[in-house]
Amino acid sequence: MTAIDLPHPAPPGDASRSANPSRILTLVHHHGKLSRAQLTRLTGLNRSTVSVLVGQLAAAGLVYEAAASGESQVGRPSPDVHANPAVAALAVNTEIDAVTIGLVGLGGQVLKKIRYATERIPTASEAVNIAAAVIAGMRSELEARYKIVGLGVAVPGLVTTVDGMVRLAPHLGWEDEPLARMFTQATGYPATVANDASLAAEAEMVFGAATGLRNLIYLNGGASGIGGGIITEGRLLTGVSGYAGEFGHTFVAANGRRCHCGALGCLETEVSQAPLLEMAGLDGGEPGELAGALRTAPGMEAMAEVRRQLGHLGTALRNIVNIFNPEAIVLNGFLAALLAAAPGELQDNLRAESMRGPGAEVRLSPAVLGSDLMMVGAAELAFSGLLADPLGHAEGN
């Protein structure tokens, strides 16, 4: 998987380098729109170079310009450069109870999203067939209105990034599934596959709760367990094969239960969604709904369970903070509900138990992209080739 690099100013005279169209399009994609003046300031390129590059990207159909809006300016206003949402990516998120298919335009806007609920955990072939059938139903609209750059797939498991092979997705029961090849063959679109939590970490860094930060940790809690992503200096840390970020298997309890991975006391065996939903009297729902139900549940059992799980989560986060020294930790799913159910408790415990320097610097926050998160993250995977070489990609298509 291609890591996201945040743009840095370029040295003067750098206009001929192929990296410059990439940097211009990436900035516009991440912000939705920027004026030429803003692009000049952010890239360090001169105005005439930015004008030429914007013209090239516009000719390729990747951006368009419009009159500046907003506050009045002195002198001639700089036109706004917009990402063209008609250049789009398909996104697929595979879960234990559903397959979700989305269409995301350049600029990060989710244009369409279809969640296909399944009665049982789908096999890899079933998930591919479901997504392919939904995409086939959208084909006439896609061909008439959009230029599709590719298909990104998010999977809750270990994925070899170089070939899109799902080595192990334990909650789905998948092992050694060539998912990228299967999706490409079934849909006709070039497919790329990666771990769902890693994709979510990038999406929250670019478009969500951690916008502008370069060092962060993302953790998601759901029915499939706990996963995460690590962003260091603006880049996703993948490890040798793309497996980095399996925080659900952090050791937190010496007398804990046996995990499906074979170890004892893993975070995701001690901190889990099912008992929280049961005590809240819910079948599912958004993190805010779960947090509210836990706070108002009758008796002491619900909050006792919240605090027990927060204790184990705090142990894992203490280790994460001491090792990685992040600026922020972004929590999603039922982990965000735990954070909200006992406001301030996790932050206070983290500062008290981690090393003084890293503990004082880190902030905890919930994810903000909501149900669009996986669509945006998977789409970034599909957009990566275009963003890396926009003019070459346009010529090739």
Protein backbone atom coordinates (compact mmCIF):
# COMPACT_ATOMS: atom_id res chain seq x y z
CA MET A 1 0.00 0.00 0.00
CA THR A 2 1.26 3.46 -0.83
CA ALA A 3 1.69 5.59 2.27
CA ILE A 4 0.39 9.14 2.37
CA ASP A 5 3.09 11.81 2.48
CA LEU A 6 2.01 15.28 3.51
CA PRO A 7 3.32 17.92 1.09
CA HIS A 8 6.48 19.90 1.82
CA PRO A 9 7.60 23.11 0.12
CA ALA A 10 9.61 22.47 -3.03
CA PRO A 11 12.89 24.20 -3.81
CA PRO A 12 12.87 27.00 -6.44
CA GLY A 13 13.27 25.87 -10.03
CA ASP A 14 11.56 22.55 -9.30
CA ALA A 15 8.78 23.05 -11.90
CA SER A 16 9.91 20.35 -14.29
CA ARG A 17 9.92 17.57 -11.73
CA SER A 18 7.12 15.02 -12.09
CA ALA A 19 6.39 15.28 -8.37
CA ASN A 20 4.84 18.72 -8.70
CA PRO A 21 1.56 17.71 -10.43
CA SER A 22 1.23 15.05 -7.75
CA ARG A 23 1.68 17.56 -4.95
CA ILE A 24 -0.81 20.01 -6.46
CA LEU A 25 -3.50 17.36 -7.00
CA THR A 26 -2.92 15.79 -3.59
CA LEU A 27 -3.37 19.14 -1.86
CA VAL A 28 -6.56 19.91 -3.78
CA HIS A 29 -7.88 16.38 -3.14
CA HIS A 30 -7.24 16.64 0.59
CA HIS A 31 -8.80 20.09 0.92
CA GLY A 32 -11.58 19.82 -1.68
CA LYS A 33 -10.63 23.23 -3.05
CA LEU A 34 -7.73 25.66 -2.74
CA SER A 35 -7.00 28.96 -4.44
CA ARG A 36 -3.97 29.33 -6.68
CA ALA A 37 -2.54 31.67 -4.06
CA GLN A 38 -2.91 29.00 -1.38
CA LEU A 39 -1.29 26.40 -3.64
CA THR A 40 1.61 28.77 -4.27
CA ARG A 41 2.10 29.24 -0.53
CA LEU A 42 1.75 25.55 0.38
CA THR A 43 4.07 24.23 -2.33
CA GLY A 44 6.69 26.99 -2.41
CA LEU A 45 6.42 27.07 -6.20
CA ASN A 46 6.13 30.38 -8.04
CA ARG A 47 2.76 31.61 -9.32
CA SER A 48 3.46 30.97 -12.99
CA THR A 49 4.51 27.36 -12.26
CA VAL A 50 1.34 26.75 -10.25
CA SER A 51 -0.71 28.25 -13.08
CA VAL A 52 0.89 25.88 -15.60
CA LEU A 53 0.40 22.84 -13.38
CA VAL A 54 -3.22 23.68 -12.62
CA GLY A 55 -3.81 24.11 -16.34
CA GLN A 56 -2.34 20.66 -17.03
CA LEU A 57 -4.48 19.04 -14.34
CA ALA A 58 -7.58 20.83 -15.61
CA ALA A 59 -6.88 19.69 -19.18
CA ALA A 60 -6.66 16.12 -17.86
CA GLY A 61 -10.10 16.55 -16.26
CA LEU A 62 -8.83 16.14 -12.70
CA VAL A 63 -9.57 19.65 -11.41
CA TYR A 64 -11.60 22.66 -12.47
CA GLU A 65 -11.39 26.34 -11.61
CA ALA A 66 -14.13 28.65 -10.42
CA ALA A 67 -14.36 32.21 -9.19
CA ALA A 68 -13.20 32.65 -5.62
CA SER A 69 -15.92 32.70 -2.99
CA GLY A 70 -16.00 33.90 0.59
CA GLU A 71 -14.55 37.08 2.01
CA SER A 72 -13.78 39.98 -0.32
CA GLN A 73 -10.15 40.48 -1.26
CA VAL A 74 -8.08 43.47 -2.19
CA GLY A 75 -7.01 43.36 -5.80
CA ARG A 76 -7.67 40.62 -8.34
CA PRO A 77 -8.98 37.46 -6.58
CA SER A 78 -7.19 34.16 -7.08
CA PRO A 79 -9.55 31.54 -8.59
CA ASP A 80 -10.38 28.44 -6.56
CA VAL A 81 -9.10 25.10 -7.82
CA HIS A 82 -11.61 22.30 -7.13
CA ALA A 83 -11.12 18.53 -7.18
CA ASN A 84 -13.34 17.03 -9.88
CA PRO A 85 -15.75 14.61 -8.14
CA ALA A 86 -16.56 13.00 -11.50
CA VAL A 87 -13.15 11.35 -11.13
CA ALA A 88 -14.08 8.69 -8.61
CA ALA A 89 -13.10 5.47 -6.88
CA LEU A 90 -15.16 2.47 -5.89
CA ALA A 91 -14.83 1.31 -2.29
CA VAL A 92 -15.77 -1.95 -0.59
CA ASN A 93 -15.83 -2.74 3.13
CA THR A 94 -16.19 -6.40 4.13
CA GLU A 95 -17.72 -7.14 7.53
CA ILE A 96 -19.03 -10.19 9.37
CA ASP A 97 -22.65 -9.15 8.78
CA ALA A 98 -22.54 -7.01 5.63
CA VAL A 99 -20.69 -5.91 2.51
CA THR A 100 -20.77 -2.16 1.89
CA ILE A 101 -20.08 -0.68 -1.53
CA GLY A 102 -19.43 3.01 -2.08
CA LEU A 103 -18.58 5.57 -4.71
CA VAL A 104 -16.20 8.34 -3.59
CA GLY A 105 -15.30 11.37 -5.68
CA LEU A 106 -11.91 13.04 -5.87
CA GLY A 107 -11.95 15.41 -2.91
CA GLY A 108 -13.13 12.72 -0.49
CA GLN A 109 -16.91 13.12 -0.82
CA VAL A 110 -18.94 9.91 -0.52
CA LEU A 111 -21.35 10.10 -3.46
CA LYS A 112 -23.14 6.79 -2.99
CA LYS A 113 -23.14 4.03 -0.38
CA ILE A 114 -25.01 0.71 -0.40
CA ARG A 115 -24.89 -1.66 2.58
CA TYR A 116 -25.85 -5.24 1.72
CA ALA A 117 -26.64 -7.12 4.93
CA THR A 118 -25.81 -10.83 5.05
CA GLU A 119 -27.59 -13.48 7.12
CA ARG A 120 -24.29 -15.14 7.97
CA ILE A 121 -20.60 -14.41 7.69
CA PRO A 122 -19.84 -14.26 3.95
CA THR A 123 -17.06 -16.28 2.38
CA ALA A 124 -14.50 -14.36 0.34
CA SER A 125 -16.18 -15.51 -2.88
CA GLU A 126 -19.60 -14.45 -1.60
CA ALA A 127 -18.32 -11.03 -0.60
CA VAL A 128 -16.78 -10.54 -4.04
CA ASN A 129 -19.95 -11.70 -5.79
CA ILE A 130 -22.15 -9.37 -3.70
CA ALA A 131 -19.97 -6.36 -4.45
CA ALA A 132 -19.66 -7.28 -8.13
CA ALA A 133 -23.46 -7.58 -8.46
CA VAL A 134 -24.02 -4.16 -6.84
CA ILE A 135 -21.36 -2.57 -9.05
CA ALA A 136 -22.89 -4.20 -12.12
CA GLY A 137 -26.18 -2.54 -11.21
CA MET A 138 -24.39 0.82 -11.10
CA ARG A 139 -22.47 0.24 -14.34
CA SER A 140 -24.57 2.40 -16.68
CA GLU A 141 -24.42 5.35 -14.25
CA LEU A 142 -20.68 4.90 -13.72
CA GLU A 143 -19.92 4.80 -17.43
CA ALA A 144 -22.13 7.80 -18.19
CA ARG A 145 -21.12 10.15 -15.38
CA TYR A 146 -17.79 9.11 -13.86
CA LYS A 147 -14.22 8.20 -14.61
CA ILE A 148 -13.43 5.32 -12.25
CA VAL A 149 -9.76 5.09 -11.29
CA GLY A 150 -9.99 1.79 -9.42
CA LEU A 151 -11.46 -0.15 -6.54
CA GLY A 152 -10.20 -0.18 -2.93
CA VAL A 153 -11.16 -2.94 -0.50
CA ALA A 154 -11.00 -2.80 3.32
CA VAL A 155 -10.70 -6.12 5.18
CA PRO A 156 -10.54 -6.78 8.96
CA GLY A 157 -7.48 -9.00 8.82
CA LEU A 158 -3.87 -9.46 7.79
CA VAL A 159 -3.32 -8.42 4.18
CA THR A 160 -0.12 -8.66 2.16
CA THR A 161 -0.04 -5.23 0.59
CA VAL A 162 2.07 -6.08 -2.45
CA ASP A 163 -0.45 -8.55 -3.91
CA GLY A 164 -3.69 -7.98 -2.00
CA MET A 165 -3.64 -11.47 -0.50
CA VAL A 166 -5.70 -11.84 2.68
CA ARG A 167 -3.47 -14.07 4.76
CA LEU A 168 -5.81 -14.29 7.73
CA ALA A 169 -9.12 -12.61 8.58
CA PRO A 170 -10.05 -14.67 11.66
CA HIS A 171 -13.48 -13.20 12.32
CA LEU A 172 -14.46 -13.71 8.69
CA GLY A 173 -12.88 -17.17 8.59
CA TRP A 174 -10.78 -16.25 5.55
CA GLU A 175 -7.28 -17.57 4.99
CA ASP A 176 -4.97 -17.15 1.98
CA GLU A 177 -7.60 -15.53 -0.22
CA PRO A 178 -6.26 -13.66 -3.32
CA LEU A 179 -8.85 -10.94 -2.85
CA ALA A 180 -7.35 -8.26 -5.11
CA ARG A 181 -7.22 -10.65 -8.05
CA MET A 182 -10.75 -11.92 -7.30
CA PHE A 183 -12.21 -8.39 -7.27
CA THR A 184 -10.36 -7.38 -10.44
CA GLN A 185 -11.62 -10.43 -12.30
CA ALA A 186 -15.20 -10.03 -11.03
CA THR A 187 -15.59 -6.28 -11.65
CA GLY A 188 -13.11 -5.38 -14.39
CA TYR A 189 -11.66 -2.59 -12.24
CA PRO A 190 -8.10 -2.71 -10.87
CA ALA A 191 -8.47 -3.63 -7.20
CA THR A 192 -6.22 -3.01 -4.21
CA VAL A 193 -6.75 -4.48 -0.75
CA ALA A 194 -5.54 -3.44 2.71
CA ASN A 195 -6.35 -3.76 6.40
CA ASP A 196 -9.46 -1.77 7.30
CA ALA A 197 -8.07 -0.08 10.42
CA SER A 198 -4.93 1.07 8.60
CA LEU A 199 -7.06 2.64 5.89
CA ALA A 200 -9.24 4.30 8.54
CA ALA A 201 -6.13 5.77 10.19
CA GLU A 202 -5.13 7.44 6.93
CA ALA A 203 -8.66 8.70 6.33
CA GLU A 204 -8.88 10.31 9.78
CA MET A 205 -5.45 11.90 9.26
CA VAL A 206 -6.41 13.42 5.92
CA PHE A 207 -10.11 14.22 6.32
CA GLY A 208 -11.08 13.65 9.95
CA ALA A 209 -10.19 14.05 13.63
CA ALA A 210 -6.42 14.14 13.07
CA THR A 211 -6.27 16.54 10.11
CA GLY A 212 -2.91 18.31 10.11
CA LEU A 213 -1.24 15.87 12.51
CA ARG A 214 1.74 13.75 11.48
CA ASN A 215 2.01 11.29 14.38
CA LEU A 216 -1.11 9.47 15.51
CA ILE A 217 -2.57 6.13 16.46
CA TYR A 218 -6.01 4.96 15.35
CA LEU A 219 -7.93 2.16 17.09
CA ASN A 220 -11.29 0.77 16.06
CA GLY A 221 -13.51 -1.55 18.06
CA GLY A 222 -16.27 -3.53 16.40
CA ALA A 223 -17.91 -6.92 16.14
CA SER A 224 -14.76 -8.21 14.42
CA GLY A 225 -12.48 -7.21 17.32
CA ILE A 226 -9.96 -4.39 17.67
CA GLY A 227 -7.56 -3.19 15.02
CA GLY A 228 -5.49 -0.11 14.45
CA GLY A 229 -3.20 1.95 12.34
CA ILE A 230 0.02 3.84 13.03
CA ILE A 231 0.88 7.14 11.33
CA THR A 232 4.43 8.34 11.94
CA GLU A 233 5.73 11.55 10.36
CA GLY A 234 2.78 11.56 7.98
CA ARG A 235 3.30 8.01 6.75
CA LEU A 236 1.37 4.84 7.47
CA LEU A 237 3.63 2.35 9.21
CA THR A 238 2.91 -0.97 7.51
CA GLY A 239 5.69 -3.31 8.66
CA VAL A 240 7.46 -5.74 6.33
CA SER A 241 4.30 -7.27 4.84
CA GLY A 242 1.61 -4.78 5.84
CA TYR A 243 0.57 -6.37 9.14
CA ALA A 244 1.51 -3.53 11.52
CA GLY A 245 -1.19 -2.14 13.81
CA GLU A 246 -2.72 -5.32 15.26
CA PHE A 247 -3.34 -3.61 18.60
CA GLY A 248 -6.14 -6.05 19.40
CA HIS A 249 -3.47 -8.58 20.30
CA THR A 250 -1.63 -6.35 22.76
CA PHE A 251 -1.14 -8.19 26.08
CA VAL A 252 -3.23 -6.62 28.86
CA ALA A 253 -4.24 -9.37 31.34
CA ALA A 254 -2.06 -12.09 32.85
CA ASN A 255 -5.12 -14.06 33.96
CA GLY A 256 -7.11 -13.29 30.82
CA ARG A 257 -8.97 -15.53 28.44
CA ARG A 258 -7.49 -17.46 25.53
CA CYS A 259 -7.65 -15.46 22.29
CA HIS A 260 -8.31 -16.96 18.85
CA CYS A 261 -4.69 -16.09 18.00
CA GLY A 262 -3.58 -18.61 20.66
CA ALA A 263 -2.29 -16.13 23.25
CA LEU A 264 -3.72 -15.29 26.67
CA GLY A 265 -5.04 -11.91 27.76
CA CYS A 266 -5.20 -10.06 24.43
CA LEU A 267 -6.86 -6.64 24.42
CA GLU A 268 -9.74 -7.77 22.20
CA THR A 269 -10.63 -10.68 24.49
CA GLU A 270 -10.85 -8.35 27.52
CA VAL A 271 -12.32 -5.31 25.77
CA SER A 272 -15.24 -6.25 23.53
CA GLN A 273 -18.49 -4.91 22.16
CA ALA A 274 -20.91 -7.77 22.96
CA PRO A 275 -21.19 -7.33 26.77
CA LEU A 276 -21.58 -3.57 26.38
CA LEU A 277 -24.45 -3.95 23.92
CA GLU A 278 -26.12 -6.52 26.16
CA MET A 279 -25.95 -4.29 29.24
CA ALA A 280 -27.15 -1.29 27.23
CA GLY A 281 -30.04 -3.28 25.80
CA LEU A 282 -29.01 -2.61 22.19
CA ASP A 283 -28.54 -4.74 19.09
CA GLY A 284 -26.12 -2.25 17.54
CA GLY A 285 -26.11 1.43 16.72
CA GLU A 286 -23.70 4.33 16.58
CA PRO A 287 -21.05 4.99 19.29
CA GLY A 288 -23.01 7.96 20.67
CA GLU A 289 -26.13 5.85 21.12
CA LEU A 290 -24.18 3.12 22.94
CA ALA A 291 -22.44 5.63 25.20
CA GLY A 292 -25.74 7.24 26.19
CA ALA A 293 -27.40 3.89 26.86
CA LEU A 294 -24.49 2.79 29.06
CA ARG A 295 -24.65 5.98 31.14
CA THR A 296 -28.37 5.61 31.75
CA ALA A 297 -28.55 1.81 32.16
CA PRO A 298 -30.21 0.81 35.47
CA GLY A 299 -28.03 -0.60 38.26
CA MET A 300 -24.27 -0.52 38.64
CA GLU A 301 -23.33 -3.40 36.33
CA ALA A 302 -23.06 -1.40 33.10
CA MET A 303 -20.71 1.25 34.45
CA ALA A 304 -18.71 -1.40 36.29
CA GLU A 305 -18.17 -3.17 32.96
CA VAL A 306 -17.29 0.16 31.30
CA ARG A 307 -14.63 0.84 33.93
CA ARG A 308 -13.27 -2.72 33.75
CA GLN A 309 -12.84 -2.41 29.99
CA LEU A 310 -11.42 1.11 30.29
CA GLY A 311 -8.80 -0.27 32.67
CA HIS A 312 -7.60 -2.81 30.12
CA LEU A 313 -7.81 -0.28 27.29
CA GLY A 314 -5.77 2.15 29.39
CA THR A 315 -3.06 -0.50 29.84
CA ALA A 316 -2.81 -0.97 26.07
CA LEU A 317 -2.81 2.77 25.40
CA ARG A 318 -0.12 3.36 28.03
CA ASN A 319 2.16 0.99 26.14
CA ILE A 320 1.26 2.60 22.82
CA VAL A 321 1.98 6.11 24.13
CA ASN A 322 5.32 5.11 25.67
CA ILE A 323 6.46 3.33 22.51
CA PHE A 324 5.21 5.66 19.74
CA ASN A 325 4.85 9.08 21.44
CA PRO A 326 1.87 10.11 19.24
CA GLU A 327 0.24 13.53 19.11
CA ALA A 328 -3.20 11.96 19.21
CA ILE A 329 -5.03 8.67 19.63
CA VAL A 330 -8.26 8.46 17.64
CA LEU A 331 -10.85 5.93 18.85
CA ASN A 332 -13.73 4.59 16.77
CA GLY A 333 -16.60 2.15 17.15
CA PHE A 334 -17.39 0.89 20.63
CA LEU A 335 -14.02 2.21 21.85
CA ALA A 336 -15.33 5.72 21.16
CA ALA A 337 -18.44 4.78 23.16
CA LEU A 338 -16.25 3.73 26.10
CA LEU A 339 -14.45 7.07 25.87
CA ALA A 340 -17.75 8.98 25.96
CA ALA A 341 -19.45 6.81 28.60
CA ALA A 342 -16.99 7.96 31.29
CA PRO A 343 -15.77 11.38 30.10
CA GLY A 344 -12.20 12.24 31.09
CA GLU A 345 -11.50 8.96 32.87
CA LEU A 346 -9.39 7.35 30.16
CA GLN A 347 -7.41 10.55 29.52
CA ASP A 348 -6.72 10.99 33.25
CA ASN A 349 -5.62 7.37 33.66
CA LEU A 350 -3.40 7.59 30.59
CA ARG A 351 -1.61 10.69 31.86
CA ALA A 352 -1.18 9.14 35.32
CA GLU A 353 0.21 5.78 34.13
CA SER A 354 2.28 6.58 31.05
CA MET A 355 5.63 8.36 31.04
CA ARG A 356 5.25 12.03 31.96
CA GLY A 357 6.39 13.53 28.66
CA PRO A 358 4.46 11.38 26.15
CA GLY A 359 1.45 11.13 28.46
CA ALA A 360 1.12 14.89 28.80
CA GLU A 361 1.41 15.51 25.05
CA VAL A 362 -1.12 13.01 23.68
CA ARG A 363 -4.82 13.76 23.31
CA LEU A 364 -7.66 11.29 22.93
CA SER A 365 -10.49 11.98 20.50
CA PRO A 366 -13.30 10.09 18.79
CA ALA A 367 -13.25 9.54 15.04
CA VAL A 368 -15.39 12.08 13.15
CA LEU A 369 -16.00 10.50 9.73
CA GLY A 370 -18.70 8.21 11.10
CA SER A 371 -20.23 5.63 8.77
CA ASP A 372 -18.33 7.10 5.79
CA LEU A 373 -14.95 6.29 7.32
CA MET A 374 -14.27 2.95 5.61
CA MET A 375 -15.55 4.22 2.27
CA VAL A 376 -13.17 7.19 2.38
CA GLY A 377 -10.28 5.01 3.55
CA ALA A 378 -10.77 2.31 0.91
CA ALA A 379 -11.15 4.97 -1.79
CA GLU A 380 -7.80 6.50 -0.80
CA LEU A 381 -6.27 3.14 -1.62
CA ALA A 382 -7.74 3.31 -5.12
CA PHE A 383 -6.76 6.97 -5.58
CA SER A 384 -3.12 6.38 -4.59
CA GLY A 385 -1.87 5.63 -8.12
CA LEU A 386 -3.60 8.68 -9.57
CA LEU A 387 -2.29 10.98 -6.84
CA ALA A 388 1.26 9.67 -7.27
CA ASP A 389 1.39 10.43 -11.01
CA PRO A 390 -1.75 12.28 -12.13
CA LEU A 391 -0.64 13.27 -15.61
CA GLY A 392 0.86 9.87 -16.37
CA HIS A 393 -2.26 8.16 -15.05
CA ALA A 394 -4.49 10.37 -17.21
CA GLU A 395 -2.42 9.60 -20.32
CA GLY A 396 -2.62 5.89 -19.57
CA ASN A 397 -6.41 6.03 -19.45
